N, C-alpha and C. Protein backbone atom coordinates (compact mmCIF):
# COMPACT_ATOMS: atom_id res chain seq x y z
N MET A 1 17.05 149.39 134.46
CA MET A 1 17.27 148.41 135.48
C MET A 1 17.58 149.13 136.78
N THR A 2 17.00 148.65 137.88
CA THR A 2 17.22 149.32 139.17
C THR A 2 18.53 148.87 139.76
N ARG A 3 18.97 149.62 140.76
CA ARG A 3 20.23 149.30 141.43
C ARG A 3 20.19 147.93 142.09
N LYS A 4 19.06 147.61 142.70
CA LYS A 4 18.93 146.35 143.41
C LYS A 4 19.04 145.17 142.44
N LYS A 5 18.38 145.26 141.28
CA LYS A 5 18.43 144.19 140.29
C LYS A 5 19.84 144.08 139.69
N LEU A 6 20.48 145.22 139.44
CA LEU A 6 21.82 145.21 138.88
C LEU A 6 22.81 144.57 139.85
N ALA A 7 22.71 144.89 141.13
CA ALA A 7 23.60 144.33 142.14
C ALA A 7 23.41 142.82 142.24
N SER A 8 22.17 142.34 142.25
CA SER A 8 21.94 140.90 142.36
C SER A 8 22.39 140.18 141.10
N LEU A 9 22.25 140.84 139.94
CA LEU A 9 22.70 140.25 138.68
C LEU A 9 24.23 140.11 138.68
N LEU A 10 24.93 141.15 139.14
CA LEU A 10 26.39 141.11 139.19
C LEU A 10 26.89 140.08 140.20
N LEU A 11 26.24 140.01 141.36
CA LEU A 11 26.65 139.03 142.37
C LEU A 11 26.40 137.61 141.87
N GLY A 12 25.27 137.41 141.21
CA GLY A 12 24.96 136.09 140.66
C GLY A 12 25.97 135.69 139.60
N SER A 13 26.37 136.62 138.75
CA SER A 13 27.36 136.34 137.72
C SER A 13 28.72 136.03 138.33
N ALA A 14 29.09 136.75 139.36
CA ALA A 14 30.37 136.52 140.02
C ALA A 14 30.39 135.15 140.69
N ALA A 15 29.29 134.78 141.33
CA ALA A 15 29.23 133.48 141.99
C ALA A 15 29.30 132.35 140.96
N THR A 16 28.60 132.52 139.84
CA THR A 16 28.64 131.51 138.78
C THR A 16 30.04 131.39 138.21
N ALA A 17 30.69 132.50 137.98
CA ALA A 17 32.06 132.48 137.45
C ALA A 17 33.01 131.81 138.44
N ALA A 18 32.82 132.07 139.72
CA ALA A 18 33.68 131.46 140.74
C ALA A 18 33.49 129.94 140.76
N LEU A 19 32.24 129.50 140.64
CA LEU A 19 31.98 128.05 140.62
C LEU A 19 32.57 127.40 139.38
N LEU A 20 32.49 128.09 138.26
CA LEU A 20 33.02 127.53 137.03
C LEU A 20 34.54 127.49 137.02
N LEU A 21 35.16 128.47 137.62
CA LEU A 21 36.62 128.55 137.59
C LEU A 21 37.30 127.71 138.67
N THR A 22 36.63 127.45 139.78
CA THR A 22 37.26 126.74 140.88
C THR A 22 37.74 125.34 140.51
N PRO A 23 36.93 124.46 139.88
CA PRO A 23 37.45 123.13 139.54
C PRO A 23 38.61 123.19 138.55
N ALA A 24 38.56 124.08 137.60
CA ALA A 24 39.64 124.18 136.62
C ALA A 24 40.93 124.63 137.29
N THR A 25 40.80 125.57 138.22
CA THR A 25 41.97 126.05 138.93
C THR A 25 42.56 124.94 139.81
N ALA A 26 41.70 124.18 140.48
CA ALA A 26 42.18 123.09 141.32
C ALA A 26 42.84 122.01 140.47
N ALA A 27 42.23 121.69 139.33
CA ALA A 27 42.81 120.67 138.46
C ALA A 27 44.15 121.12 137.91
N SER A 28 44.24 122.39 137.52
CA SER A 28 45.51 122.86 137.00
C SER A 28 46.56 122.94 138.10
N ALA A 29 46.15 123.23 139.33
CA ALA A 29 47.09 123.24 140.44
C ALA A 29 47.61 121.83 140.72
N GLN A 30 46.69 120.84 140.65
CA GLN A 30 47.12 119.46 140.86
C GLN A 30 48.05 119.03 139.74
N ALA A 31 47.72 119.35 138.51
CA ALA A 31 48.57 118.98 137.38
C ALA A 31 49.92 119.67 137.50
N GLY A 32 49.91 120.91 137.95
CA GLY A 32 51.16 121.64 138.12
C GLY A 32 52.03 121.02 139.19
N SER A 33 51.43 120.60 140.31
CA SER A 33 52.23 119.99 141.38
C SER A 33 52.73 118.62 140.96
N ALA A 34 51.95 117.87 140.17
CA ALA A 34 52.40 116.55 139.70
C ALA A 34 53.57 116.71 138.74
N SER A 35 53.47 117.67 137.84
CA SER A 35 54.57 117.86 136.89
C SER A 35 55.80 118.41 137.61
N THR A 36 55.59 119.19 138.66
CA THR A 36 56.71 119.69 139.44
C THR A 36 57.42 118.54 140.13
N ALA A 37 56.66 117.59 140.69
CA ALA A 37 57.27 116.44 141.35
C ALA A 37 58.03 115.59 140.34
N THR A 38 57.46 115.39 139.16
CA THR A 38 58.13 114.61 138.13
C THR A 38 59.40 115.30 137.69
N THR A 39 59.33 116.60 137.50
CA THR A 39 60.50 117.36 137.09
C THR A 39 61.57 117.32 138.18
N ALA A 40 61.16 117.41 139.43
CA ALA A 40 62.13 117.37 140.53
C ALA A 40 62.81 116.02 140.60
N SER A 41 62.06 114.93 140.39
CA SER A 41 62.69 113.61 140.44
C SER A 41 63.61 113.41 139.24
N ALA A 42 63.25 113.97 138.10
CA ALA A 42 64.12 113.86 136.93
C ALA A 42 65.41 114.62 137.15
N ARG A 43 65.31 115.79 137.79
CA ARG A 43 66.50 116.57 138.08
C ARG A 43 67.38 115.89 139.11
N ALA A 44 66.76 115.19 140.05
CA ALA A 44 67.52 114.55 141.12
C ALA A 44 68.24 113.30 140.63
N GLY A 45 67.94 112.82 139.43
CA GLY A 45 68.63 111.67 138.89
C GLY A 45 68.09 110.35 139.40
N ILE A 46 66.81 110.29 139.73
CA ILE A 46 66.21 109.06 140.21
C ILE A 46 65.87 108.19 139.02
N GLU A 47 66.30 106.94 139.07
CA GLU A 47 66.00 105.99 138.01
C GLU A 47 65.20 104.85 138.58
N ARG A 48 64.45 104.15 137.71
CA ARG A 48 63.57 103.08 138.16
C ARG A 48 63.72 101.85 137.27
N ASP A 49 63.45 100.70 137.87
CA ASP A 49 63.42 99.44 137.13
C ASP A 49 62.50 98.48 137.88
N SER A 50 61.99 97.46 137.20
CA SER A 50 61.07 96.51 137.80
C SER A 50 61.34 95.12 137.28
N VAL A 51 60.96 94.12 138.07
CA VAL A 51 60.97 92.73 137.63
C VAL A 51 59.59 92.16 137.94
N SER A 52 59.11 91.27 137.06
CA SER A 52 57.76 90.74 137.23
C SER A 52 57.75 89.61 138.26
N CYS A 53 56.60 89.41 138.87
CA CYS A 53 56.42 88.36 139.88
C CYS A 53 56.00 87.06 139.20
N SER A 54 56.39 85.94 139.81
CA SER A 54 55.87 84.64 139.37
C SER A 54 54.45 84.48 139.89
N LYS A 55 54.24 84.88 141.15
CA LYS A 55 52.92 84.84 141.77
C LYS A 55 52.72 86.12 142.54
N PRO A 56 51.65 86.76 142.53
CA PRO A 56 50.54 86.65 141.57
C PRO A 56 50.92 87.29 140.25
N ARG A 57 50.37 86.79 139.20
CA ARG A 57 50.65 87.31 137.85
C ARG A 57 50.18 88.75 137.75
N GLY A 58 50.93 89.55 137.02
CA GLY A 58 50.56 90.94 136.82
C GLY A 58 51.11 91.88 137.88
N LYS A 59 51.76 91.37 138.90
CA LYS A 59 52.37 92.21 139.94
C LYS A 59 53.86 92.34 139.66
N TRP A 60 54.47 93.33 140.30
CA TRP A 60 55.88 93.64 140.04
C TRP A 60 56.62 93.91 141.35
N ALA A 61 57.91 93.69 141.30
CA ALA A 61 58.82 94.15 142.35
C ALA A 61 59.52 95.38 141.76
N ASN A 62 59.32 96.52 142.37
CA ASN A 62 59.81 97.79 141.84
C ASN A 62 61.05 98.26 142.59
N TYR A 63 61.97 98.82 141.85
CA TYR A 63 63.22 99.32 142.41
C TYR A 63 63.47 100.72 141.87
N SER A 64 64.01 101.57 142.72
CA SER A 64 64.44 102.90 142.27
C SER A 64 65.71 103.23 143.03
N TRP A 65 66.49 104.14 142.48
CA TRP A 65 67.75 104.47 143.12
C TRP A 65 68.16 105.89 142.81
N GLY A 66 68.93 106.41 143.72
CA GLY A 66 69.55 107.70 143.56
C GLY A 66 70.97 107.56 144.07
N GLU A 67 71.86 108.32 143.53
CA GLU A 67 73.26 108.17 143.93
C GLU A 67 73.76 109.38 144.68
N GLY A 68 74.63 109.13 145.61
CA GLY A 68 75.30 110.18 146.35
C GLY A 68 76.74 110.26 145.89
N ASN A 69 77.58 110.87 146.70
CA ASN A 69 79.00 110.98 146.34
C ASN A 69 79.73 109.65 146.47
N THR A 70 79.47 108.93 147.54
CA THR A 70 80.17 107.67 147.77
C THR A 70 79.23 106.49 147.94
N THR A 71 77.93 106.72 147.92
CA THR A 71 76.96 105.64 148.13
C THR A 71 75.85 105.70 147.09
N ALA A 72 75.14 104.61 146.99
CA ALA A 72 73.93 104.54 146.18
C ALA A 72 72.88 103.83 147.03
N THR A 73 71.70 104.40 147.13
CA THR A 73 70.63 103.79 147.90
C THR A 73 69.61 103.21 146.95
N ILE A 74 69.33 101.91 147.10
CA ILE A 74 68.34 101.22 146.29
C ILE A 74 67.07 101.10 147.12
N TYR A 75 65.97 101.66 146.63
CA TYR A 75 64.67 101.56 147.28
C TYR A 75 63.89 100.45 146.59
N PHE A 76 63.18 99.63 147.36
CA PHE A 76 62.44 98.53 146.78
C PHE A 76 61.03 98.47 147.34
N ASN A 77 60.12 97.93 146.53
CA ASN A 77 58.74 97.69 146.93
C ASN A 77 58.32 96.41 146.24
N ASN A 78 58.31 95.30 146.98
CA ASN A 78 58.03 93.99 146.43
C ASN A 78 56.54 93.67 146.60
N HIS A 79 55.82 93.61 145.50
CA HIS A 79 54.40 93.27 145.53
C HIS A 79 54.16 91.78 145.34
N CYS A 80 55.24 91.00 145.21
CA CYS A 80 55.13 89.55 144.97
C CYS A 80 54.82 88.82 146.28
N SER A 81 54.28 87.61 146.14
CA SER A 81 53.99 86.79 147.32
C SER A 81 55.15 85.84 147.61
N HIS A 82 56.32 86.14 147.10
CA HIS A 82 57.53 85.33 147.30
C HIS A 82 58.74 86.24 147.33
N LYS A 83 59.88 85.71 147.81
CA LYS A 83 61.13 86.47 147.80
C LYS A 83 61.56 86.71 146.35
N VAL A 84 62.21 87.82 146.14
CA VAL A 84 62.75 88.14 144.82
C VAL A 84 64.23 88.49 144.99
N SER A 85 65.06 87.82 144.20
CA SER A 85 66.50 88.10 144.19
C SER A 85 66.84 88.81 142.88
N VAL A 86 67.62 89.87 142.99
CA VAL A 86 68.01 90.63 141.80
C VAL A 86 69.50 90.90 141.82
N LYS A 87 70.05 91.03 140.62
CA LYS A 87 71.44 91.41 140.44
C LYS A 87 71.43 92.88 140.02
N ILE A 88 72.11 93.71 140.76
CA ILE A 88 72.18 95.14 140.46
C ILE A 88 73.50 95.41 139.76
N THR A 89 73.42 95.98 138.58
CA THR A 89 74.60 96.30 137.80
C THR A 89 75.02 97.73 138.11
N PHE A 90 76.27 97.91 138.49
CA PHE A 90 76.85 99.23 138.73
C PHE A 90 77.86 99.48 137.62
N VAL A 91 77.82 100.65 137.01
CA VAL A 91 78.82 101.01 136.00
C VAL A 91 79.66 102.17 136.52
N ARG A 92 80.85 102.27 135.98
CA ARG A 92 81.79 103.31 136.42
C ARG A 92 81.25 104.69 136.08
N LYS A 93 81.30 105.60 137.02
CA LYS A 93 80.83 106.97 136.80
C LYS A 93 81.73 107.67 135.79
N GLY A 94 81.12 108.39 134.86
CA GLY A 94 81.86 109.21 133.92
C GLY A 94 82.53 108.43 132.81
N SER A 95 82.32 107.14 132.72
CA SER A 95 82.97 106.36 131.66
C SER A 95 82.14 106.45 130.39
N VAL A 96 82.78 106.76 129.30
CA VAL A 96 82.09 106.88 128.02
C VAL A 96 82.18 105.56 127.27
N GLY A 97 83.37 105.13 126.95
CA GLY A 97 83.55 103.89 126.21
C GLY A 97 83.82 102.72 127.13
N ASP A 98 84.27 103.01 128.34
CA ASP A 98 84.62 101.97 129.29
C ASP A 98 83.35 101.46 129.96
N LYS A 99 83.02 100.21 129.72
CA LYS A 99 81.82 99.63 130.32
C LYS A 99 82.19 98.77 131.52
N ALA A 100 83.19 99.20 132.27
CA ALA A 100 83.57 98.45 133.47
C ALA A 100 82.37 98.41 134.41
N ALA A 101 82.03 97.21 134.83
CA ALA A 101 80.86 97.06 135.69
C ALA A 101 81.19 96.14 136.85
N LYS A 102 80.45 96.33 137.93
CA LYS A 102 80.50 95.39 139.03
C LYS A 102 79.06 95.10 139.44
N TYR A 103 78.86 93.98 140.09
CA TYR A 103 77.51 93.51 140.37
C TYR A 103 77.35 93.26 141.87
N ARG A 104 76.15 93.54 142.34
CA ARG A 104 75.78 93.23 143.72
C ARG A 104 74.44 92.51 143.67
N CYS A 105 74.24 91.61 144.60
CA CYS A 105 73.01 90.84 144.64
C CYS A 105 72.20 91.26 145.87
N MET A 106 70.90 91.29 145.72
CA MET A 106 70.02 91.69 146.82
C MET A 106 68.77 90.82 146.78
N THR A 107 68.39 90.25 147.92
CA THR A 107 67.16 89.48 148.04
C THR A 107 66.18 90.26 148.90
N VAL A 108 64.95 90.35 148.42
CA VAL A 108 63.90 91.12 149.08
C VAL A 108 62.79 90.16 149.48
N ASN A 109 62.34 90.23 150.72
CA ASN A 109 61.26 89.38 151.20
C ASN A 109 59.94 89.73 150.53
N ALA A 110 58.99 88.80 150.62
CA ALA A 110 57.67 88.99 150.01
C ALA A 110 56.91 90.14 150.67
N ASN A 111 56.20 90.91 149.86
CA ASN A 111 55.32 91.99 150.32
C ASN A 111 56.01 92.95 151.29
N THR A 112 57.20 93.39 150.93
CA THR A 112 57.92 94.34 151.77
C THR A 112 58.40 95.52 150.94
N LYS A 113 58.69 96.59 151.63
CA LYS A 113 59.35 97.72 150.98
C LYS A 113 60.37 98.28 151.95
N GLY A 114 61.39 98.90 151.38
CA GLY A 114 62.45 99.44 152.21
C GLY A 114 63.58 99.98 151.35
N LYS A 115 64.78 100.00 151.91
CA LYS A 115 65.93 100.52 151.17
C LYS A 115 67.19 99.82 151.65
N LYS A 116 68.20 99.83 150.79
CA LYS A 116 69.50 99.27 151.12
C LYS A 116 70.57 100.18 150.52
N LYS A 117 71.57 100.47 151.32
CA LYS A 117 72.64 101.36 150.89
C LYS A 117 73.84 100.54 150.45
N PHE A 118 74.40 100.90 149.29
CA PHE A 118 75.60 100.26 148.77
C PHE A 118 76.70 101.31 148.71
N TYR A 119 77.91 100.92 149.11
CA TYR A 119 79.05 101.81 149.05
C TYR A 119 79.80 101.54 147.75
N ALA A 120 79.69 102.44 146.82
CA ALA A 120 80.31 102.27 145.50
C ALA A 120 80.74 103.65 145.02
N ALA A 121 81.89 104.11 145.49
CA ALA A 121 82.33 105.48 145.25
C ALA A 121 82.48 105.80 143.77
N ALA A 122 83.08 104.92 142.99
CA ALA A 122 83.36 105.23 141.59
C ALA A 122 82.31 104.65 140.64
N TYR A 123 81.25 104.05 141.20
CA TYR A 123 80.24 103.39 140.37
C TYR A 123 78.86 103.93 140.68
N LYS A 124 77.98 103.82 139.68
CA LYS A 124 76.58 104.22 139.88
C LYS A 124 75.67 103.09 139.42
N PRO A 125 74.49 102.93 140.03
CA PRO A 125 73.57 101.87 139.62
C PRO A 125 73.12 102.08 138.19
N TYR A 126 72.97 100.98 137.46
CA TYR A 126 72.59 101.07 136.06
C TYR A 126 71.32 100.28 135.76
N SER A 127 71.21 99.06 136.26
CA SER A 127 70.02 98.25 135.99
C SER A 127 69.83 97.20 137.05
N VAL A 128 68.63 96.60 137.05
CA VAL A 128 68.26 95.54 137.97
C VAL A 128 67.81 94.36 137.12
N THR A 129 68.39 93.16 137.39
CA THR A 129 68.05 91.96 136.63
C THR A 129 67.68 90.85 137.61
N ARG A 130 66.64 90.14 137.32
CA ARG A 130 66.21 89.05 138.19
C ARG A 130 67.15 87.85 138.07
N VAL A 131 67.49 87.24 139.20
CA VAL A 131 68.29 86.03 139.22
C VAL A 131 67.56 84.99 140.06
N ALA A 132 67.96 83.72 139.90
CA ALA A 132 67.30 82.65 140.65
C ALA A 132 67.52 82.81 142.15
N ARG A 133 68.74 83.09 142.54
CA ARG A 133 69.04 83.34 143.96
C ARG A 133 70.40 84.00 144.07
N CYS A 134 70.61 84.63 145.21
CA CYS A 134 71.92 85.24 145.48
C CYS A 134 72.80 84.20 146.14
N SER A 135 74.03 84.10 145.69
CA SER A 135 74.93 83.10 146.28
C SER A 135 75.93 83.74 147.21
């Protein structure tokens, strides 16, 4: 085999290998960044909960929260075509057998997203439950 043919054969093989490896590398990089984001949110202590919409069926009002030292921020994204009122249950931080809880109510307008900060130094958010309305 001549030098010219050998060089073109090697370059062709390298180009083919690069084309074959590029999508796999990109896919693994995307999978790696997605798992990194999931792991980071799990480490940060972010929790999520949802309530279903009356209209349109199959849509949800989604809530997530993270806690600070003296506050808890509730993030919401309401996909419903109506207001949604929820009762947020806060439980005492560090309590094992003590299920002391306090409740806060929050109403979210239709098709909106945002956040609301609650001051609850000794409590952390635990769950979100749908209620008819906040009083």
